PDB file of N, CA and C in Angstrom:
ATOM      1  N   MET A   1     -88.676   0.968  -9.391  1.00  0.00           N
ATOM      2  CA  MET A   1     -87.473   1.776  -9.350  1.00  0.00           C
ATOM      3  C   MET A   1     -87.211   2.294 -10.766  1.00  0.00           C
ATOM      4  N   ARG A   2     -86.999   3.609 -10.886  1.00  0.00           N
ATOM      5  CA  ARG A   2     -86.736   4.208 -12.190  1.00  0.00           C
ATOM      6  C   ARG A   2     -85.269   4.493 -12.441  1.00  0.00           C
ATOM      7  N   PHE A   3     -84.528   4.764 -11.379  1.00  0.00           N
ATOM      8  CA  PHE A   3     -83.142   5.188 -11.526  1.00  0.00           C
ATOM      9  C   PHE A   3     -82.316   4.535 -10.427  1.00  0.00           C
ATOM     10  N   MET A   4     -81.142   4.050 -10.767  1.00  0.00           N
ATOM     11  CA  MET A   4     -80.299   3.389  -9.783  1.00  0.00           C
ATOM     12  C   MET A   4     -78.845   3.802  -9.985  1.00  0.00           C
ATOM     13  N   CYS A   5     -78.179   4.182  -8.892  1.00  0.00           N
ATOM     14  CA  CYS A   5     -76.752   4.477  -8.933  1.00  0.00           C
ATOM     15  C   CYS A   5     -76.016   3.378  -8.185  1.00  0.00           C
ATOM     16  N   VAL A   6     -75.078   2.746  -8.855  1.00  0.00           N
ATOM     17  CA  VAL A   6     -74.279   1.679  -8.255  1.00  0.00           C
ATOM     18  C   VAL A   6     -72.874   2.235  -8.044  1.00  0.00           C
ATOM     19  N   GLN A   7     -72.425   2.236  -6.794  1.00  0.00           N
ATOM     20  CA  GLN A   7     -71.098   2.749  -6.487  1.00  0.00           C
ATOM     21  C   GLN A   7     -70.134   1.592  -6.248  1.00  0.00           C
ATOM     22  N   GLU A   8     -68.845   1.924  -6.256  1.00  0.00           N
ATOM     23  CA  GLU A   8     -67.790   0.924  -6.060  1.00  0.00           C
ATOM     24  C   GLU A   8     -67.865  -0.176  -7.116  1.00  0.00           C
ATOM     25  N   THR A   9     -68.014   0.221  -8.378  1.00  0.00           N
ATOM     26  CA  THR A   9     -68.133  -0.770  -9.454  1.00  0.00           C
ATOM     27  C   THR A   9     -66.801  -1.429  -9.791  1.00  0.00           C
ATOM     28  N   HIS A  10     -65.689  -0.823  -9.391  1.00  0.00           N
ATOM     29  CA  HIS A  10     -64.349  -1.392  -9.622  1.00  0.00           C
ATOM     30  C   HIS A  10     -64.143  -1.750 -11.094  1.00  0.00           C
ATOM     31  N   ARG A  11     -64.492  -0.833 -11.978  1.00  0.00           N
ATOM     32  CA  ARG A  11     -64.347  -1.068 -13.422  1.00  0.00           C
ATOM     33  C   ARG A  11     -63.527   0.043 -14.045  1.00  0.00           C
ATOM     34  N   ASP A  12     -62.372  -0.303 -14.599  1.00  0.00           N
ATOM     35  CA  ASP A  12     -61.660   0.697 -15.383  1.00  0.00           C
ATOM     36  C   ASP A  12     -62.063   0.503 -16.848  1.00  0.00           C
ATOM     37  N   GLN A  13     -61.483   1.243 -17.731  1.00  0.00           N
ATOM     38  CA  GLN A  13     -61.897   1.214 -19.127  1.00  0.00           C
ATOM     39  C   GLN A  13     -61.542  -0.072 -19.853  1.00  0.00           C
ATOM     40  N   THR A  14     -60.725  -0.924 -19.246  1.00  0.00           N
ATOM     41  CA  THR A  14     -60.342  -2.170 -19.906  1.00  0.00           C
ATOM     42  C   THR A  14     -61.270  -3.333 -19.562  1.00  0.00           C
ATOM     43  N   LEU A  15     -62.152  -3.159 -18.583  1.00  0.00           N
ATOM     44  CA  LEU A  15     -63.061  -4.235 -18.180  1.00  0.00           C
ATOM     45  C   LEU A  15     -64.413  -4.097 -18.868  1.00  0.00           C
ATOM     46  N   ASN A  16     -65.199  -5.167 -18.838  1.00  0.00           N
ATOM     47  CA  ASN A  16     -66.542  -5.136 -19.408  1.00  0.00           C
ATOM     48  C   ASN A  16     -67.390  -4.082 -18.708  1.00  0.00           C
ATOM     49  N   VAL A  17     -68.307  -3.497 -19.442  1.00  0.00           N
ATOM     50  CA  VAL A  17     -69.216  -2.497 -18.889  1.00  0.00           C
ATOM     51  C   VAL A  17     -70.231  -3.198 -17.993  1.00  0.00           C
ATOM     52  N   ALA A  18     -70.523  -2.570 -16.860  1.00  0.00           N
ATOM     53  CA  ALA A  18     -71.503  -3.132 -15.929  1.00  0.00           C
ATOM     54  C   ALA A  18     -72.877  -3.201 -16.582  1.00  0.00           C
ATOM     55  N   SER A  19     -73.680  -4.179 -16.171  1.00  0.00           N
ATOM     56  CA  SER A  19     -75.041  -4.296 -16.703  1.00  0.00           C
ATOM     57  C   SER A  19     -75.958  -4.850 -15.622  1.00  0.00           C
ATOM     58  N   ILE A  20     -77.227  -4.471 -15.707  1.00  0.00           N
ATOM     59  CA  ILE A  20     -78.269  -4.977 -14.824  1.00  0.00           C
ATOM     60  C   ILE A  20     -79.446  -5.372 -15.696  1.00  0.00           C
ATOM     61  N   SER A  21     -79.916  -6.586 -15.554  1.00  0.00           N
ATOM     62  CA  SER A  21     -81.029  -7.081 -16.361  1.00  0.00           C
ATOM     63  C   SER A  21     -82.263  -6.204 -16.166  1.00  0.00           C
ATOM     64  N   GLY A  22     -82.874  -5.778 -17.270  1.00  0.00           N
ATOM     65  CA  GLY A  22     -84.078  -4.968 -17.223  1.00  0.00           C
ATOM     66  C   GLY A  22     -83.825  -3.486 -17.060  1.00  0.00           C
ATOM     67  N   MET A  23     -82.547  -3.071 -17.050  1.00  0.00           N
ATOM     68  CA  MET A  23     -82.225  -1.651 -16.927  1.00  0.00           C
ATOM     69  C   MET A  23     -81.239  -1.260 -18.018  1.00  0.00           C
ATOM     70  N   LYS A  24     -81.191   0.053 -18.309  1.00  0.00           N
ATOM     71  CA  LYS A  24     -80.324   0.588 -19.346  1.00  0.00           C
ATOM     72  C   LYS A  24     -79.236   1.434 -18.696  1.00  0.00           C
ATOM     73  N   LEU A  25     -78.002   1.261 -19.130  1.00  0.00           N
ATOM     74  CA  LEU A  25     -76.890   2.056 -18.613  1.00  0.00           C
ATOM     75  C   LEU A  25     -77.012   3.483 -19.126  1.00  0.00           C
ATOM     76  N   ALA A  26     -77.071   4.449 -18.208  1.00  0.00           N
ATOM     77  CA  ALA A  26     -77.211   5.860 -18.579  1.00  0.00           C
ATOM     78  C   ALA A  26     -75.869   6.573 -18.554  1.00  0.00           C
ATOM     79  N   ALA A  27     -75.044   6.273 -17.558  1.00  0.00           N
ATOM     80  CA  ALA A  27     -73.744   6.931 -17.429  1.00  0.00           C
ATOM     81  C   ALA A  27     -72.828   6.059 -16.584  1.00  0.00           C
ATOM     82  N   ILE A  28     -71.536   6.179 -16.863  1.00  0.00           N
ATOM     83  CA  ILE A  28     -70.570   5.393 -16.089  1.00  0.00           C
ATOM     84  C   ILE A  28     -69.320   6.242 -15.854  1.00  0.00           C
ATOM     85  N   LYS A  29     -68.767   6.136 -14.676  1.00  0.00           N
ATOM     86  CA  LYS A  29     -67.502   6.791 -14.314  1.00  0.00           C
ATOM     87  C   LYS A  29     -66.513   5.667 -14.018  1.00  0.00           C
ATOM     88  N   HIS A  30     -65.569   5.475 -14.921  1.00  0.00           N
ATOM     89  CA  HIS A  30     -64.606   4.384 -14.771  1.00  0.00           C
ATOM     90  C   HIS A  30     -63.573   4.711 -13.693  1.00  0.00           C
ATOM     91  N   HIS A  31     -63.259   3.705 -12.875  1.00  0.00           N
ATOM     92  CA  HIS A  31     -62.187   3.828 -11.890  1.00  0.00           C
ATOM     93  C   HIS A  31     -61.908   2.430 -11.372  1.00  0.00           C
ATOM     94  N   ARG A  32     -60.647   2.048 -11.298  1.00  0.00           N
ATOM     95  CA  ARG A  32     -60.300   0.680 -10.864  1.00  0.00           C
ATOM     96  C   ARG A  32     -60.724   0.386  -9.437  1.00  0.00           C
ATOM     97  N   LYS A  33     -60.662   1.392  -8.551  1.00  0.00           N
ATOM     98  CA  LYS A  33     -60.988   1.148  -7.147  1.00  0.00           C
ATOM     99  C   LYS A  33     -62.407   1.584  -6.788  1.00  0.00           C
ATOM    100  N   HIS A  34     -62.865   2.700  -7.346  1.00  0.00           N
ATOM    101  CA  HIS A  34     -64.160   3.240  -6.943  1.00  0.00           C
ATOM    102  C   HIS A  34     -65.169   3.055  -8.069  1.00  0.00           C
ATOM    103  N   GLY A  35     -65.357   4.045  -8.888  1.00  0.00           N
ATOM    104  CA  GLY A  35     -66.262   3.958 -10.033  1.00  0.00           C
ATOM    105  C   GLY A  35     -67.721   3.991  -9.640  1.00  0.00           C
ATOM    106  N   SER A  36     -68.562   4.374 -10.594  1.00  0.00           N
ATOM    107  CA  SER A  36     -70.004   4.341 -10.380  1.00  0.00           C
ATOM    108  C   SER A  36     -70.694   4.183 -11.719  1.00  0.00           C
ATOM    109  N   ALA A  37     -71.886   3.649 -11.673  1.00  0.00           N
ATOM    110  CA  ALA A  37     -72.689   3.459 -12.875  1.00  0.00           C
ATOM    111  C   ALA A  37     -74.129   3.845 -12.554  1.00  0.00           C
ATOM    112  N   ASN A  38     -74.760   4.568 -13.480  1.00  0.00           N
ATOM    113  CA  ASN A  38     -76.149   4.974 -13.323  1.00  0.00           C
ATOM    114  C   ASN A  38     -76.998   4.232 -14.336  1.00  0.00           C
ATOM    115  N   PHE A  39     -78.076   3.649 -13.852  1.00  0.00           N
ATOM    116  CA  PHE A  39     -78.982   2.879 -14.692  1.00  0.00           C
ATOM    117  C   PHE A  39     -80.378   3.480 -14.634  1.00  0.00           C
ATOM    118  N   THR A  40     -81.137   3.333 -15.735  1.00  0.00           N
ATOM    119  CA  THR A  40     -82.518   3.786 -15.790  1.00  0.00           C
ATOM    120  C   THR A  40     -83.394   2.662 -16.334  1.00  0.00           C
ATOM    121  N   LYS A  41     -84.688   2.864 -16.228  1.00  0.00           N
ATOM    122  CA  LYS A  41     -85.615   1.955 -16.890  1.00  0.00           C
ATOM    123  C   LYS A  41     -85.455   2.135 -18.400  1.00  0.00           C
ATOM    124  N   PRO A  42     -85.709   1.106 -19.186  1.00  0.00           N
ATOM    125  CA  PRO A  42     -85.492   1.197 -20.636  1.00  0.00           C
ATOM    126  C   PRO A  42     -86.318   2.271 -21.338  1.00  0.00           C
ATOM    127  N   ASN A  43     -87.467   2.670 -20.773  1.00  0.00           N
ATOM    128  CA  ASN A  43     -88.318   3.649 -21.460  1.00  0.00           C
ATOM    129  C   ASN A  43     -87.887   5.093 -21.229  1.00  0.00           C
ATOM    130  N   MET A  44     -86.843   5.325 -20.467  1.00  0.00           N
ATOM    131  CA  MET A  44     -86.366   6.685 -20.235  1.00  0.00           C
ATOM    132  C   MET A  44     -85.379   7.084 -21.322  1.00  0.00           C
ATOM    133  N   THR A  45     -85.494   8.318 -21.769  1.00  0.00           N
ATOM    134  CA  THR A  45     -84.574   8.877 -22.751  1.00  0.00           C
ATOM    135  C   THR A  45     -83.595   9.788 -22.028  1.00  0.00           C
ATOM    136  N   ILE A  46     -82.316   9.532 -22.180  1.00  0.00           N
ATOM    137  CA  ILE A  46     -81.302  10.358 -21.543  1.00  0.00           C
ATOM    138  C   ILE A  46     -81.006  11.527 -22.465  1.00  0.00           C
ATOM    139  N   GLN A  47     -81.232  12.747 -21.964  1.00  0.00           N
ATOM    140  CA  GLN A  47     -80.999  13.941 -22.773  1.00  0.00           C
ATOM    141  C   GLN A  47     -79.549  14.386 -22.736  1.00  0.00           C
ATOM    142  N   SER A  48     -78.907  14.270 -21.581  1.00  0.00           N
ATOM    143  CA  SER A  48     -77.503  14.671 -21.490  1.00  0.00           C
ATOM    144  C   SER A  48     -76.855  14.008 -20.290  1.00  0.00           C
ATOM    145  N   VAL A  49     -75.540  13.898 -20.338  1.00  0.00           N
ATOM    146  CA  VAL A  49     -74.764  13.327 -19.235  1.00  0.00           C
ATOM    147  C   VAL A  49     -73.574  14.239 -19.002  1.00  0.00           C
ATOM    148  N   LYS A  50     -73.348  14.595 -17.747  1.00  0.00           N
ATOM    149  CA  LYS A  50     -72.191  15.400 -17.372  1.00  0.00           C
ATOM    150  C   LYS A  50     -71.395  14.619 -16.345  1.00  0.00           C
ATOM    151  N   ILE A  51     -70.136  14.368 -16.642  1.00  0.00           N
ATOM    152  CA  ILE A  51     -69.272  13.626 -15.727  1.00  0.00           C
ATOM    153  C   ILE A  51     -68.255  14.598 -15.150  1.00  0.00           C
ATOM    154  N   TYR A  52     -68.311  14.772 -13.846  1.00  0.00           N
ATOM    155  CA  TYR A  52     -67.375  15.623 -13.136  1.00  0.00           C
ATOM    156  C   TYR A  52     -66.324  14.736 -12.481  1.00  0.00           C
ATOM    157  N   GLU A  53     -65.333  15.318 -11.865  1.00  0.00           N
ATOM    158  CA  GLU A  53     -64.242  14.553 -11.265  1.00  0.00           C
ATOM    159  C   GLU A  53     -64.746  13.459 -10.330  1.00  0.00           C
ATOM    160  N   GLN A  54     -65.725  13.757  -9.483  1.00  0.00           N
ATOM    161  CA  GLN A  54     -66.178  12.756  -8.521  1.00  0.00           C
ATOM    162  C   GLN A  54     -67.675  12.469  -8.608  1.00  0.00           C
ATOM    163  N   THR A  55     -68.382  13.071  -9.543  1.00  0.00           N
ATOM    164  CA  THR A  55     -69.829  12.908  -9.612  1.00  0.00           C
ATOM    165  C   THR A  55     -70.271  12.698 -11.052  1.00  0.00           C
ATOM    166  N   VAL A  56     -71.277  11.868 -11.245  1.00  0.00           N
ATOM    167  CA  VAL A  56     -71.883  11.670 -12.556  1.00  0.00           C
ATOM    168  C   VAL A  56     -73.319  12.158 -12.472  1.00  0.00           C
ATOM    169  N   TRP A  57     -73.706  13.063 -13.372  1.00  0.00           N
ATOM    170  CA  TRP A  57     -75.074  13.575 -13.406  1.00  0.00           C
ATOM    171  C   TRP A  57     -75.710  13.162 -14.717  1.00  0.00           C
ATOM    172  N   ALA A  58     -76.912  12.647 -14.663  1.00  0.00           N
ATOM    173  CA  ALA A  58     -77.658  12.310 -15.868  1.00  0.00           C
ATOM    174  C   ALA A  58     -78.980  13.052 -15.850  1.00  0.00           C
ATOM    175  N   THR A  59     -79.288  13.737 -16.928  1.00  0.00           N
ATOM    176  CA  THR A  59     -80.579  14.399 -17.063  1.00  0.00           C
ATOM    177  C   THR A  59     -81.498  13.461 -17.824  1.00  0.00           C
ATOM    178  N   ARG A  60     -82.663  13.215 -17.290  1.00  0.00           N
ATOM    179  CA  ARG A  60     -83.536  12.217 -17.896  1.00  0.00           C
ATOM    180  C   ARG A  60     -84.882  12.825 -18.257  1.00  0.00           C
ATOM    181  N   ARG A  61     -85.547  12.167 -19.200  1.00  0.00           N
ATOM    182  CA  ARG A  61     -86.896  12.523 -19.580  1.00  0.00           C
ATOM    183  C   ARG A  61     -87.661  11.228 -19.765  1.00  0.00           C
ATOM    184  N   THR A  62     -88.799  11.086 -19.105  1.00  0.00           N
ATOM    185  CA  THR A  62     -89.596   9.867 -19.215  1.00  0.00           C
ATOM    186  C   THR A  62     -90.467   9.946 -20.460  1.00  0.00           C
ATOM    187  N   THR A  63     -90.438   8.887 -21.261  1.00  0.00           N
ATOM    188  CA  THR A  63     -91.325   8.811 -22.413  1.00  0.00           C
ATOM    189  C   THR A  63     -92.471   7.887 -22.064  1.00  0.00           C
ATOM    190  N   ARG A  64     -93.637   8.282 -22.448  1.00  0.00           N
ATOM    191  CA  ARG A  64     -94.821   7.455 -22.132  1.00  0.00           C
ATOM    192  C   ARG A  64     -95.543   7.064 -23.382  1.00  0.00           C
TER     193      ARG A  64
END
């Protein structure tokens, strides 16, 4: 798995940032009830992140 989106993270800005062992946090949308977090493999370089009202987009580039 190279990319993972976790929904319903239930994390606002006052709580610890979500983490998954062996993956790197690429983008996060804070929300107490909903929220989402996007994770990538550690070897991916994130070029840009755009956070919209209800969607998080991450542009990625794989480094080899």
